[in-house]
Amino acid sequence: MDNTPVKAAAKKHRLVNPFAEVWSKKFLYLLALPAIVYTFIYGYMTLPYIVIAFQKFHYKTGMASPFSGLDNFSSFFRSSWAWAVTRNTLVINILFLIFGTVFAILLALLLNEIRGKAFLKVTQSAMLFPYFISWVIVSYMLMGILGTESGMLNRVIQRMGGERINFYATPRYWYPILMILNIWKYAGYNSIIYLAAITGIDESIYEAAAIDGAVAEAKGYLGRFDTERIFRAEGAERNDLLLIFIKDIATYHLINLTSPGIHYDRREKRYDRAVEWLKAVQRGDVSPDLPKTEDAETQGGLVYYSSNPKRAQHF
C-alpha cells in the first residue's frame, strides 16, 4: 500500500521550531522588538494592578492592601461627583470624536489638493509635530497662555482695559479649550489615515465623475435654446438671443469638457468660430446653418453642425 499522501500530509503539518522561525526572520523580529517590549510593559505588566480597584488601598501595603469588594464603586456612585464625572467623560469624548474626525478629514482633503511637493512635506511635518509633544508639556504651554497672573491671554485682556479671567477656576471654558487642544494635537496625525484613503482612489473615477457632470451641465445650457426661434426673431430680440447663445457656447466649450482629449486652445478656436458665425448670421451675411469645424477625431476631418434644436448632442 502506498503511504505517500499520508507522509506528505504529515510533513506538511509537522510542528515548526519557534526558535528556528525567529532566527530565520531575525531582522523582522528585531524591527518589531520596540513595539513588543512597549506592549508587554504597558499592556500586560500593568494588568495585576487592576485589583487595586477592589481593595482598600494604602500606599504602605501596596497590592497587599485588604480586599474591599465593590465598596469603592458603591462609594463613587453615591457621591455628588458621580454624574458630573460621567457626563464630562461622555461629552468630552463625543466632542473629540465628532470634531476631531471632521478636522482630520478636512486636513486630508486640503493636503490632497496641494501640488507643491516641498510645501506639502513642510506642511505635513508641521502638522505632525504636536502629536509628539507630551500632555505634560502641553499643560505648561497652556498655563503660559491662560494663566491668571502671567498668562499671555490675560495680559492682552488687561492691556485692552478688561479684567483678568481665572480660566482654571471657571468650568464653562474647558469644553472648548479641551476640544481645541485635542484637534491641535491629533488632527494632523489622524489626517494621514484619511489622506492615504483619498490618494488610494482610482483617478479614473474622478475623471468619469467630472466628465459626466460637465456633460449634464452643458446639455442643460444648450438644450434650452431653439435655433429656429433665433432666426425667426428680428432686431433687438435677435441680438439678445444671439448674445445669450454665444455666452452658453462659451460656457460649454471653455468650461464644460465633453471631450477631455481635446486641448484647451482647440476648444477656444471652436468658440471663436461659433462667435464669428453668429455675428455673420446677425448681419444677414450667411444662412442659419451651423458652421463646419475641423475635428481630428471624426472621419474626414470635417463636422457639420445642423440647426436642429437637439444639437447639444453634436457639440
C-alpha atoms as a PDB file:
ATOM      1  CA  MET A   1       0.000   0.000   0.000  1.00  0.00           C
ATOM      2  CA  ASP A   2       1.339   3.400  -0.997  1.00  0.00           C
ATOM      3  CA  ASN A   3       1.525   5.798   2.004  1.00  0.00           C
ATOM      4  CA  THR A   4       2.988   8.710   0.048  1.00  0.00           C
ATOM      5  CA  PRO A   5      -0.032  11.087   0.528  1.00  0.00           C
ATOM      6  CA  VAL A   6      -0.110  10.358   4.267  1.00  0.00           C
ATOM      7  CA  LYS A   7       3.585  11.068   4.612  1.00  0.00           C
ATOM      8  CA  ALA A   8       3.247  14.287   2.601  1.00  0.00           C
ATOM      9  CA  ALA A   9       0.375  15.470   4.820  1.00  0.00           C
ATOM     10  CA  ALA A  10       2.315  14.638   7.990  1.00  0.00           C
ATOM     11  CA  LYS A  11       5.347  16.503   6.682  1.00  0.00           C
ATOM     12  CA  LYS A  12       3.183  19.499   5.801  1.00  0.00           C
ATOM     13  CA  HIS A  13       1.573  19.734   9.260  1.00  0.00           C
ATOM     14  CA  ARG A  14       4.578  18.932  11.412  1.00  0.00           C
ATOM     15  CA  LEU A  15       5.438  21.364  14.220  1.00  0.00           C
ATOM     16  CA  VAL A  16       7.788  24.233  13.465  1.00  0.00           C
ATOM     17  CA  ASN A  17      10.619  25.015  15.857  1.00  0.00           C
ATOM     18  CA  PRO A  18       9.792  28.547  17.132  1.00  0.00           C
ATOM     19  CA  PHE A  19      13.452  29.389  17.776  1.00  0.00           C
ATOM     20  CA  ALA A  20      14.373  28.404  14.226  1.00  0.00           C
ATOM     21  CA  GLU A  21      11.463  30.501  12.938  1.00  0.00           C
ATOM     22  CA  VAL A  22      12.614  33.564  14.897  1.00  0.00           C
ATOM     23  CA  TRP A  23      16.221  33.102  13.837  1.00  0.00           C
ATOM     24  CA  SER A  24      15.295  32.749  10.156  1.00  0.00           C
ATOM     25  CA  LYS A  25      13.425  36.072  10.318  1.00  0.00           C
ATOM     26  CA  LYS A  26      15.553  37.725  12.985  1.00  0.00           C
ATOM     27  CA  PHE A  27      15.723  41.149  11.332  1.00  0.00           C
ATOM     28  CA  LEU A  28      11.942  41.398  11.038  1.00  0.00           C
ATOM     29  CA  TYR A  29      11.509  40.493  14.684  1.00  0.00           C
ATOM     30  CA  LEU A  30      14.237  42.987  15.583  1.00  0.00           C
ATOM     31  CA  LEU A  31      12.255  45.735  13.904  1.00  0.00           C
ATOM     32  CA  ALA A  32       9.162  44.683  15.872  1.00  0.00           C
ATOM     33  CA  LEU A  33      11.054  44.440  19.183  1.00  0.00           C
ATOM     34  CA  PRO A  34      10.353  48.018  20.444  1.00  0.00           C
ATOM     35  CA  ALA A  35       6.599  47.570  19.883  1.00  0.00           C
ATOM     36  CA  ILE A  36       6.677  44.130  21.540  1.00  0.00           C
ATOM     37  CA  VAL A  37       8.509  45.495  24.620  1.00  0.00           C
ATOM     38  CA  TYR A  38       6.171  48.507  24.846  1.00  0.00           C
ATOM     39  CA  THR A  39       3.057  46.307  24.630  1.00  0.00           C
ATOM     40  CA  PHE A  40       4.415  43.861  27.189  1.00  0.00           C
ATOM     41  CA  ILE A  41       5.259  46.564  29.743  1.00  0.00           C
ATOM     42  CA  TYR A  42       2.161  48.756  29.431  1.00  0.00           C
ATOM     43  CA  GLY A  43      -0.340  46.143  28.251  1.00  0.00           C
ATOM     44  CA  TYR A  44       0.485  43.070  30.322  1.00  0.00           C
ATOM     45  CA  MET A  45       2.691  44.021  33.292  1.00  0.00           C
ATOM     46  CA  THR A  46       0.034  46.529  34.443  1.00  0.00           C
ATOM     47  CA  LEU A  47      -2.843  44.010  34.427  1.00  0.00           C
ATOM     48  CA  PRO A  48      -2.279  42.783  38.025  1.00  0.00           C
ATOM     49  CA  TYR A  49      -2.786  46.328  39.318  1.00  0.00           C
ATOM     50  CA  ILE A  50      -6.472  46.229  38.312  1.00  0.00           C
ATOM     51  CA  VAL A  51      -7.024  44.532  41.661  1.00  0.00           C
ATOM     52  CA  ILE A  52      -6.445  47.907  43.372  1.00  0.00           C
ATOM     53  CA  ALA A  53      -9.999  48.923  42.371  1.00  0.00           C
ATOM     54  CA  PHE A  54     -11.324  46.181  44.668  1.00  0.00           C
ATOM     55  CA  GLN A  55      -9.051  46.939  47.643  1.00  0.00           C
ATOM     56  CA  LYS A  56      -8.909  49.475  50.419  1.00  0.00           C
ATOM     57  CA  PHE A  57      -5.613  50.645  49.022  1.00  0.00           C
ATOM     58  CA  HIS A  58      -2.850  52.078  51.182  1.00  0.00           C
ATOM     59  CA  TYR A  59       0.497  53.163  49.833  1.00  0.00           C
ATOM     60  CA  LYS A  60       2.393  51.388  52.620  1.00  0.00           C
ATOM     61  CA  THR A  61       0.891  47.962  51.988  1.00  0.00           C
ATOM     62  CA  GLY A  62       0.528  48.400  48.216  1.00  0.00           C
ATOM     63  CA  MET A  63      -1.091  45.448  46.441  1.00  0.00           C
ATOM     64  CA  ALA A  64      -1.258  43.635  49.771  1.00  0.00           C
ATOM     65  CA  SER A  65      -3.972  46.044  50.940  1.00  0.00           C
ATOM     66  CA  PRO A  66      -7.151  44.452  52.352  1.00  0.00           C
ATOM     67  CA  PHE A  67      -9.837  43.372  49.863  1.00  0.00           C
ATOM     68  CA  SER A  68     -12.993  45.567  49.924  1.00  0.00           C
ATOM     69  CA  GLY A  69     -15.130  44.115  47.132  1.00  0.00           C
ATOM     70  CA  LEU A  70     -17.350  46.671  45.384  1.00  0.00           C
ATOM     71  CA  ASP A  71     -17.220  49.256  48.194  1.00  0.00           C
ATOM     72  CA  ASN A  72     -15.132  51.678  46.095  1.00  0.00           C
ATOM     73  CA  PHE A  73     -17.704  51.601  43.254  1.00  0.00           C
ATOM     74  CA  SER A  74     -20.594  51.983  45.650  1.00  0.00           C
ATOM     75  CA  SER A  75     -18.929  54.985  47.291  1.00  0.00           C
ATOM     76  CA  PHE A  76     -18.291  56.629  43.922  1.00  0.00           C
ATOM     77  CA  PHE A  77     -21.836  56.292  42.582  1.00  0.00           C
ATOM     78  CA  ARG A  78     -23.313  57.599  45.849  1.00  0.00           C
ATOM     79  CA  SER A  79     -21.108  60.695  45.739  1.00  0.00           C
ATOM     80  CA  SER A  80     -22.218  64.063  44.356  1.00  0.00           C
ATOM     81  CA  TRP A  81     -19.485  63.928  41.690  1.00  0.00           C
ATOM     82  CA  ALA A  82     -20.618  60.712  40.010  1.00  0.00           C
ATOM     83  CA  TRP A  83     -22.940  62.369  37.472  1.00  0.00           C
ATOM     84  CA  ALA A  84     -20.548  65.267  36.747  1.00  0.00           C
ATOM     85  CA  VAL A  85     -17.607  62.934  36.094  1.00  0.00           C
ATOM     86  CA  THR A  86     -19.678  60.583  33.909  1.00  0.00           C
ATOM     87  CA  ARG A  87     -21.209  63.469  31.960  1.00  0.00           C
ATOM     88  CA  ASN A  88     -17.846  65.136  31.347  1.00  0.00           C
ATOM     89  CA  THR A  89     -16.328  61.855  30.188  1.00  0.00           C
ATOM     90  CA  LEU A  90     -19.119  61.210  27.690  1.00  0.00           C
ATOM     91  CA  VAL A  91     -19.496  64.790  26.413  1.00  0.00           C
ATOM     92  CA  ILE A  92     -15.775  65.445  26.007  1.00  0.00           C
ATOM     93  CA  ASN A  93     -15.158  62.162  24.189  1.00  0.00           C
ATOM     94  CA  ILE A  94     -18.143  62.710  21.877  1.00  0.00           C
ATOM     95  CA  LEU A  95     -16.820  66.196  21.045  1.00  0.00           C
ATOM     96  CA  PHE A  96     -13.365  64.744  20.414  1.00  0.00           C
ATOM     97  CA  LEU A  97     -14.842  62.078  18.154  1.00  0.00           C
ATOM     98  CA  ILE A  98     -17.016  64.437  16.086  1.00  0.00           C
ATOM     99  CA  PHE A  99     -14.792  67.497  15.715  1.00  0.00           C
ATOM    100  CA  GLY A 100     -11.541  65.544  15.649  1.00  0.00           C
ATOM    101  CA  THR A 101     -12.772  63.382  12.779  1.00  0.00           C
ATOM    102  CA  VAL A 102     -14.201  66.333  10.839  1.00  0.00           C
ATOM    103  CA  PHE A 103     -11.000  68.375  11.094  1.00  0.00           C
ATOM    104  CA  ALA A 104      -8.827  65.373  10.227  1.00  0.00           C
ATOM    105  CA  ILE A 105     -10.862  64.741   7.056  1.00  0.00           C
ATOM    106  CA  LEU A 106     -10.767  68.440   6.110  1.00  0.00           C
ATOM    107  CA  LEU A 107      -6.992  68.494   6.543  1.00  0.00           C
ATOM    108  CA  ALA A 108      -6.663  65.370   4.403  1.00  0.00           C
ATOM    109  CA  LEU A 109      -8.767  66.975   1.655  1.00  0.00           C
ATOM    110  CA  LEU A 110      -6.688  70.149   1.779  1.00  0.00           C
ATOM    111  CA  LEU A 111      -3.410  68.228   1.688  1.00  0.00           C
ATOM    112  CA  ASN A 112      -4.658  66.209  -1.253  1.00  0.00           C
ATOM    113  CA  GLU A 113      -5.122  69.433  -3.250  1.00  0.00           C
ATOM    114  CA  ILE A 114      -1.561  70.680  -2.642  1.00  0.00           C
ATOM    115  CA  ARG A 115       0.591  70.236  -5.743  1.00  0.00           C
ATOM    116  CA  GLY A 116       3.921  71.619  -4.490  1.00  0.00           C
ATOM    117  CA  LYS A 117       5.856  68.667  -3.064  1.00  0.00           C
ATOM    118  CA  ALA A 118       8.248  70.778  -0.972  1.00  0.00           C
ATOM    119  CA  PHE A 119       5.408  72.769   0.580  1.00  0.00           C
ATOM    120  CA  LEU A 120       3.440  69.561   1.197  1.00  0.00           C
ATOM    121  CA  LYS A 121       6.346  67.970   3.095  1.00  0.00           C
ATOM    122  CA  VAL A 122       6.857  71.057   5.259  1.00  0.00           C
ATOM    123  CA  THR A 123       3.119  71.286   5.979  1.00  0.00           C
ATOM    124  CA  GLN A 124       2.800  67.617   6.932  1.00  0.00           C
ATOM    125  CA  SER A 125       5.838  67.820   9.222  1.00  0.00           C
ATOM    126  CA  ALA A 126       4.424  70.899  10.951  1.00  0.00           C
ATOM    127  CA  MET A 127       1.037  69.214  11.456  1.00  0.00           C
ATOM    128  CA  LEU A 128       2.593  66.028  12.839  1.00  0.00           C
ATOM    129  CA  PHE A 129       4.798  67.841  15.359  1.00  0.00           C
ATOM    130  CA  PRO A 130       2.085  68.450  18.034  1.00  0.00           C
ATOM    131  CA  TYR A 131       1.329  64.709  18.182  1.00  0.00           C
ATOM    132  CA  PHE A 132       4.790  64.027  19.589  1.00  0.00           C
ATOM    133  CA  ILE A 133       4.552  66.637  22.346  1.00  0.00           C
ATOM    134  CA  SER A 134       3.566  65.068  25.674  1.00  0.00           C
ATOM    135  CA  TRP A 135       0.473  66.293  27.515  1.00  0.00           C
ATOM    136  CA  VAL A 136       2.721  67.476  30.356  1.00  0.00           C
ATOM    137  CA  ILE A 137       4.481  69.905  28.025  1.00  0.00           C
ATOM    138  CA  VAL A 138       1.127  70.914  26.526  1.00  0.00           C
ATOM    139  CA  SER A 139      -0.221  71.703  30.001  1.00  0.00           C
ATOM    140  CA  TYR A 140       2.746  74.024  30.686  1.00  0.00           C
ATOM    141  CA  MET A 141       2.237  75.712  27.315  1.00  0.00           C
ATOM    142  CA  LEU A 142      -1.443  76.189  28.160  1.00  0.00           C
ATOM    143  CA  MET A 143      -0.531  77.637  31.542  1.00  0.00           C
ATOM    144  CA  GLY A 144       1.666  80.184  29.776  1.00  0.00           C
ATOM    145  CA  ILE A 145      -1.320  81.225  27.642  1.00  0.00           C
ATOM    146  CA  LEU A 146      -4.227  81.033  30.131  1.00  0.00           C
ATOM    147  CA  GLY A 147      -2.502  81.640  33.481  1.00  0.00           C
ATOM    148  CA  THR A 148      -4.277  84.215  35.638  1.00  0.00           C
ATOM    149  CA  GLU A 149      -1.191  86.178  36.681  1.00  0.00           C
ATOM    150  CA  SER A 150       1.356  85.606  33.922  1.00  0.00           C
ATOM    151  CA  GLY A 151      -0.756  84.171  31.091  1.00  0.00           C
ATOM    152  CA  MET A 152      -0.301  85.804  27.692  1.00  0.00           C
ATOM    153  CA  LEU A 153      -4.055  85.972  27.006  1.00  0.00           C
ATOM    154  CA  ASN A 154      -4.828  87.646  30.336  1.00  0.00           C
ATOM    155  CA  ARG A 155      -2.096  90.220  29.732  1.00  0.00           C
ATOM    156  CA  VAL A 156      -3.663  91.084  26.379  1.00  0.00           C
ATOM    157  CA  ILE A 157      -7.108  91.355  28.012  1.00  0.00           C
ATOM    158  CA  GLN A 158      -5.698  93.628  30.713  1.00  0.00           C
ATOM    159  CA  ARG A 159      -3.872  95.834  28.191  1.00  0.00           C
ATOM    160  CA  MET A 160      -7.170  96.285  26.343  1.00  0.00           C
ATOM    161  CA  GLY A 161      -8.865  97.507  29.501  1.00  0.00           C
ATOM    162  CA  GLY A 162     -10.543  94.275  30.591  1.00  0.00           C
ATOM    163  CA  GLU A 163     -10.258  92.238  33.765  1.00  0.00           C
ATOM    164  CA  ARG A 164      -8.193  89.094  34.103  1.00  0.00           C
ATOM    165  CA  ILE A 165     -10.093  85.802  33.764  1.00  0.00           C
ATOM    166  CA  ASN A 166      -9.366  82.877  36.035  1.00  0.00           C
ATOM    167  CA  PHE A 167      -9.733  80.157  33.390  1.00  0.00           C
ATOM    168  CA  TYR A 168      -8.618  77.414  35.759  1.00  0.00           C
ATOM    169  CA  ALA A 169     -11.461  78.160  38.179  1.00  0.00           C
ATOM    170  CA  THR A 170     -14.216  78.585  35.554  1.00  0.00           C
ATOM    171  CA  PRO A 171     -15.624  75.245  34.305  1.00  0.00           C
ATOM    172  CA  ARG A 172     -17.558  76.612  31.301  1.00  0.00           C
ATOM    173  CA  TYR A 173     -14.369  77.437  29.386  1.00  0.00           C
ATOM    174  CA  TRP A 174     -12.951  73.941  29.430  1.00  0.00           C
ATOM    175  CA  TYR A 175     -15.157  72.162  26.899  1.00  0.00           C
ATOM    176  CA  PRO A 176     -13.927  74.406  24.053  1.00  0.00           C
ATOM    177  CA  ILE A 177     -10.366  74.547  25.462  1.00  0.00           C
ATOM    178  CA  LEU A 178     -10.015  70.769  25.620  1.00  0.00           C
ATOM    179  CA  MET A 179     -11.633  70.358  22.196  1.00  0.00           C
ATOM    180  CA  ILE A 180      -9.208  72.862  20.619  1.00  0.00           C
ATOM    181  CA  LEU A 181      -6.243  71.172  22.286  1.00  0.00           C
ATOM    182  CA  ASN A 182      -7.352  67.750  21.062  1.00  0.00           C
ATOM    183  CA  ILE A 183      -7.786  68.987  17.490  1.00  0.00           C
ATOM    184  CA  TRP A 184      -4.413  70.767  17.567  1.00  0.00           C
ATOM    185  CA  LYS A 185      -2.636  67.701  18.901  1.00  0.00           C
ATOM    186  CA  TYR A 186      -4.255  64.841  16.956  1.00  0.00           C
ATOM    187  CA  ALA A 187      -5.902  66.192  13.783  1.00  0.00           C
ATOM    188  CA  GLY A 188      -2.639  66.315  11.828  1.00  0.00           C
ATOM    189  CA  TYR A 189      -1.683  62.778  12.788  1.00  0.00           C
ATOM    190  CA  ASN A 190      -5.165  61.346  12.131  1.00  0.00           C
ATOM    191  CA  SER A 191      -5.356  63.062   8.740  1.00  0.00           C
ATOM    192  CA  ILE A 192      -2.647  60.667   7.483  1.00  0.00           C
ATOM    193  CA  ILE A 193      -5.155  57.794   7.538  1.00  0.00           C
ATOM    194  CA  TYR A 194      -7.754  59.712   5.539  1.00  0.00           C
ATOM    195  CA  LEU A 195      -5.120  61.091   3.153  1.00  0.00           C
ATOM    196  CA  ALA A 196      -3.932  57.551   2.440  1.00  0.00           C
ATOM    197  CA  ALA A 197      -7.530  56.526   1.699  1.00  0.00           C
ATOM    198  CA  ILE A 198      -8.073  59.507  -0.633  1.00  0.00           C
ATOM    199  CA  THR A 199      -4.835  59.001  -2.548  1.00  0.00           C
ATOM    200  CA  GLY A 200      -5.752  55.335  -2.998  1.00  0.00           C
ATOM    201  CA  ILE A 201      -8.875  56.225  -5.005  1.00  0.00           C
ATOM    202  CA  ASP A 202      -8.508  55.483  -8.724  1.00  0.00           C
ATOM    203  CA  GLU A 203      -8.044  58.723 -10.725  1.00  0.00           C
ATOM    204  CA  SER A 204     -10.330  57.396 -13.456  1.00  0.00           C
ATOM    205  CA  ILE A 205     -13.257  57.683 -11.016  1.00  0.00           C
ATOM    206  CA  TYR A 206     -12.601  61.421 -10.625  1.00  0.00           C
ATOM    207  CA  GLU A 207     -12.311  61.845 -14.392  1.00  0.00           C
ATOM    208  CA  ALA A 208     -15.530  59.939 -15.063  1.00  0.00           C
ATOM    209  CA  ALA A 209     -17.433  61.969 -12.466  1.00  0.00           C
ATOM    210  CA  ALA A 210     -16.095  65.262 -13.843  1.00  0.00           C
ATOM    211  CA  ILE A 211     -16.979  64.352 -17.431  1.00  0.00           C
ATOM    212  CA  ASP A 212     -20.490  63.136 -16.510  1.00  0.00           C
ATOM    213  CA  GLY A 213     -21.166  66.295 -14.537  1.00  0.00           C
ATOM    214  CA  ALA A 214     -19.799  68.536 -17.287  1.00  0.00           C
ATOM    215  CA  VAL A 215     -21.872  66.865 -19.991  1.00  0.00           C
ATOM    216  CA  ALA A 216     -25.064  67.146 -17.941  1.00  0.00           C
ATOM    217  CA  GLU A 217     -24.416  70.811 -17.129  1.00  0.00           C
ATOM    218  CA  ALA A 218     -23.527  71.682 -20.719  1.00  0.00           C
ATOM    219  CA  LYS A 219     -26.631  69.984 -22.094  1.00  0.00           C
ATOM    220  CA  GLY A 220     -28.632  71.948 -19.561  1.00  0.00           C
ATOM    221  CA  TYR A 221     -27.194  75.163 -21.018  1.00  0.00           C
ATOM    222  CA  LEU A 222     -27.619  74.347 -24.701  1.00  0.00           C
ATOM    223  CA  GLY A 223     -30.776  72.260 -24.522  1.00  0.00           C
ATOM    224  CA  ARG A 224     -32.989  75.227 -23.634  1.00  0.00           C
ATOM    225  CA  PHE A 225     -32.341  77.036 -26.912  1.00  0.00           C
ATOM    226  CA  ASP A 226     -34.287  76.732 -30.132  1.00  0.00           C
ATOM    227  CA  THR A 227     -32.120  77.953 -33.004  1.00  0.00           C
ATOM    228  CA  GLU A 228     -35.191  78.372 -35.209  1.00  0.00           C
ATOM    229  CA  ARG A 229     -36.511  80.914 -32.736  1.00  0.00           C
ATOM    230  CA  ILE A 230     -33.265  82.876 -33.048  1.00  0.00           C
ATOM    231  CA  PHE A 231     -33.540  83.026 -36.832  1.00  0.00           C
ATOM    232  CA  ARG A 232     -37.237  83.924 -36.746  1.00  0.00           C
ATOM    233  CA  ALA A 233     -36.544  86.831 -34.381  1.00  0.00           C
ATOM    234  CA  GLU A 234     -35.714  90.295 -35.667  1.00  0.00           C
ATOM    235  CA  GLY A 235     -33.963  93.403 -34.436  1.00  0.00           C
ATOM    236  CA  ALA A 236     -33.209  93.753 -30.747  1.00  0.00           C
ATOM    237  CA  GLU A 237     -34.841  90.412 -29.861  1.00  0.00           C
ATOM    238  CA  ARG A 238     -32.492  88.540 -32.205  1.00  0.00           C
ATOM    239  CA  ASN A 239     -29.469  90.407 -30.777  1.00  0.00           C
ATOM    240  CA  ASP A 240     -30.428  89.458 -27.214  1.00  0.00           C
ATOM    241  CA  LEU A 241     -30.980  85.813 -28.127  1.00  0.00           C
ATOM    242  CA  LEU A 242     -27.682  85.651 -30.020  1.00  0.00           C
ATOM    243  CA  LEU A 243     -25.749  87.161 -27.107  1.00  0.00           C
ATOM    244  CA  ILE A 244     -27.239  84.619 -24.688  1.00  0.00           C
ATOM    245  CA  PHE A 245     -26.497  81.802 -27.133  1.00  0.00           C
ATOM    246  CA  ILE A 246     -22.880  82.962 -27.525  1.00  0.00           C
ATOM    247  CA  LYS A 247     -22.479  83.033 -23.748  1.00  0.00           C
ATOM    248  CA  ASP A 248     -23.744  79.463 -23.459  1.00  0.00           C
ATOM    249  CA  ILE A 249     -21.488  78.220 -26.251  1.00  0.00           C
ATOM    250  CA  ALA A 250     -18.557  79.840 -24.430  1.00  0.00           C
ATOM    251  CA  THR A 251     -19.585  78.157 -21.186  1.00  0.00           C
ATOM    252  CA  TYR A 252     -19.889  74.826 -22.954  1.00  0.00           C
ATOM    253  CA  HIS A 253     -16.618  74.899 -24.873  1.00  0.00           C
ATOM    254  CA  LEU A 254     -14.374  76.668 -22.373  1.00  0.00           C
ATOM    255  CA  ILE A 255     -15.622  75.253 -19.072  1.00  0.00           C
ATOM    256  CA  ASN A 256     -17.600  72.040 -19.583  1.00  0.00           C
ATOM    257  CA  LEU A 257     -15.483  69.381 -21.218  1.00  0.00           C
ATOM    258  CA  THR A 258     -17.393  66.701 -23.051  1.00  0.00           C
ATOM    259  CA  SER A 259     -14.201  65.654 -24.830  1.00  0.00           C
ATOM    260  CA  PRO A 260     -11.346  65.694 -22.285  1.00  0.00           C
ATOM    261  CA  GLY A 261      -8.874  64.671 -25.012  1.00  0.00           C
ATOM    262  CA  ILE A 262      -9.405  67.951 -26.875  1.00  0.00           C
ATOM    263  CA  HIS A 263      -6.903  70.572 -25.773  1.00  0.00           C
ATOM    264  CA  TYR A 264      -7.976  73.934 -24.360  1.00  0.00           C
ATOM    265  CA  ASP A 265      -6.791  76.013 -27.313  1.00  0.00           C
ATOM    266  CA  ARG A 266      -8.770  73.812 -29.733  1.00  0.00           C
ATOM    267  CA  ARG A 267     -11.954  74.395 -27.718  1.00  0.00           C
ATOM    268  CA  GLU A 268     -11.163  78.106 -27.759  1.00  0.00           C
ATOM    269  CA  LYS A 269     -10.866  78.067 -31.554  1.00  0.00           C
ATOM    270  CA  ARG A 270     -14.229  76.312 -31.790  1.00  0.00           C
ATOM    271  CA  TYR A 271     -15.753  79.054 -29.667  1.00  0.00           C
ATOM    272  CA  ASP A 272     -14.170  81.776 -31.801  1.00  0.00           C
ATOM    273  CA  ARG A 273     -15.581  80.198 -34.984  1.00  0.00           C
ATOM    274  CA  ALA A 274     -19.023  79.950 -33.389  1.00  0.00           C
ATOM    275  CA  VAL A 275     -18.921  83.632 -32.413  1.00  0.00           C
ATOM    276  CA  GLU A 276     -17.848  84.701 -35.913  1.00  0.00           C
ATOM    277  CA  TRP A 277     -20.646  82.671 -37.474  1.00  0.00           C
ATOM    278  CA  LEU A 278     -23.292  84.088 -35.138  1.00  0.00           C
ATOM    279  CA  LYS A 279     -22.156  87.623 -35.899  1.00  0.00           C
ATOM    280  CA  ALA A 280     -22.400  86.871 -39.606  1.00  0.00           C
ATOM    281  CA  VAL A 281     -25.916  85.473 -39.129  1.00  0.00           C
ATOM    282  CA  GLN A 282     -26.837  88.614 -37.221  1.00  0.00           C
ATOM    283  CA  ARG A 283     -25.673  90.760 -40.127  1.00  0.00           C
ATOM    284  CA  GLY A 284     -27.565  88.527 -42.565  1.00  0.00           C
ATOM    285  CA  ASP A 285     -24.374  87.622 -44.460  1.00  0.00           C
ATOM    286  CA  VAL A 286     -24.796  83.825 -44.157  1.00  0.00           C
ATOM    287  CA  SER A 287     -27.548  81.251 -43.856  1.00  0.00           C
ATOM    288  CA  PRO A 288     -28.542  79.884 -40.437  1.00  0.00           C
ATOM    289  CA  ASP A 289     -26.642  76.602 -40.912  1.00  0.00           C
ATOM    290  CA  LEU A 290     -24.193  75.962 -38.113  1.00  0.00           C
ATOM    291  CA  PRO A 291     -20.535  76.247 -39.196  1.00  0.00           C
ATOM    292  CA  LYS A 292     -18.286  73.392 -40.176  1.00  0.00           C
ATOM    293  CA  THR A 293     -15.357  72.737 -37.859  1.00  0.00           C
ATOM    294  CA  GLU A 294     -12.235  70.661 -38.070  1.00  0.00           C
ATOM    295  CA  ASP A 295     -12.054  67.761 -35.650  1.00  0.00           C
ATOM    296  CA  ALA A 296      -9.285  65.164 -35.764  1.00  0.00           C
ATOM    297  CA  GLU A 297     -11.461  62.565 -34.033  1.00  0.00           C
ATOM    298  CA  THR A 298     -14.110  62.494 -36.794  1.00  0.00           C
ATOM    299  CA  GLN A 299     -13.965  60.750 -40.129  1.00  0.00           C
ATOM    300  CA  GLY A 300     -12.850  63.007 -42.957  1.00  0.00           C
ATOM    301  CA  GLY A 301     -11.760  65.782 -40.584  1.00  0.00           C
ATOM    302  CA  LEU A 302     -14.977  67.819 -41.020  1.00  0.00           C
ATOM    303  CA  VAL A 303     -18.165  68.003 -38.987  1.00  0.00           C
ATOM    304  CA  TYR A 304     -21.283  69.965 -39.984  1.00  0.00           C
ATOM    305  CA  TYR A 305     -23.431  71.147 -37.090  1.00  0.00           C
ATOM    306  CA  SER A 306     -27.098  71.396 -38.024  1.00  0.00           C
ATOM    307  CA  SER A 307     -29.503  73.929 -36.545  1.00  0.00           C
ATOM    308  CA  ASN A 308     -31.650  71.189 -35.032  1.00  0.00           C
ATOM    309  CA  PRO A 309     -32.850  72.154 -31.516  1.00  0.00           C
ATOM    310  CA  LYS A 310     -31.324  68.878 -30.288  1.00  0.00           C
ATOM    311  CA  ARG A 311     -27.886  69.961 -31.455  1.00  0.00           C
ATOM    312  CA  ALA A 312     -26.476  69.648 -27.901  1.00  0.00           C
ATOM    313  CA  GLN A 313     -25.574  66.042 -28.600  1.00  0.00           C
ATOM    314  CA  HIS A 314     -23.425  67.140 -31.585  1.00  0.00           C
ATOM    315  CA  PHE A 315     -21.312  69.760 -29.771  1.00  0.00           C
END
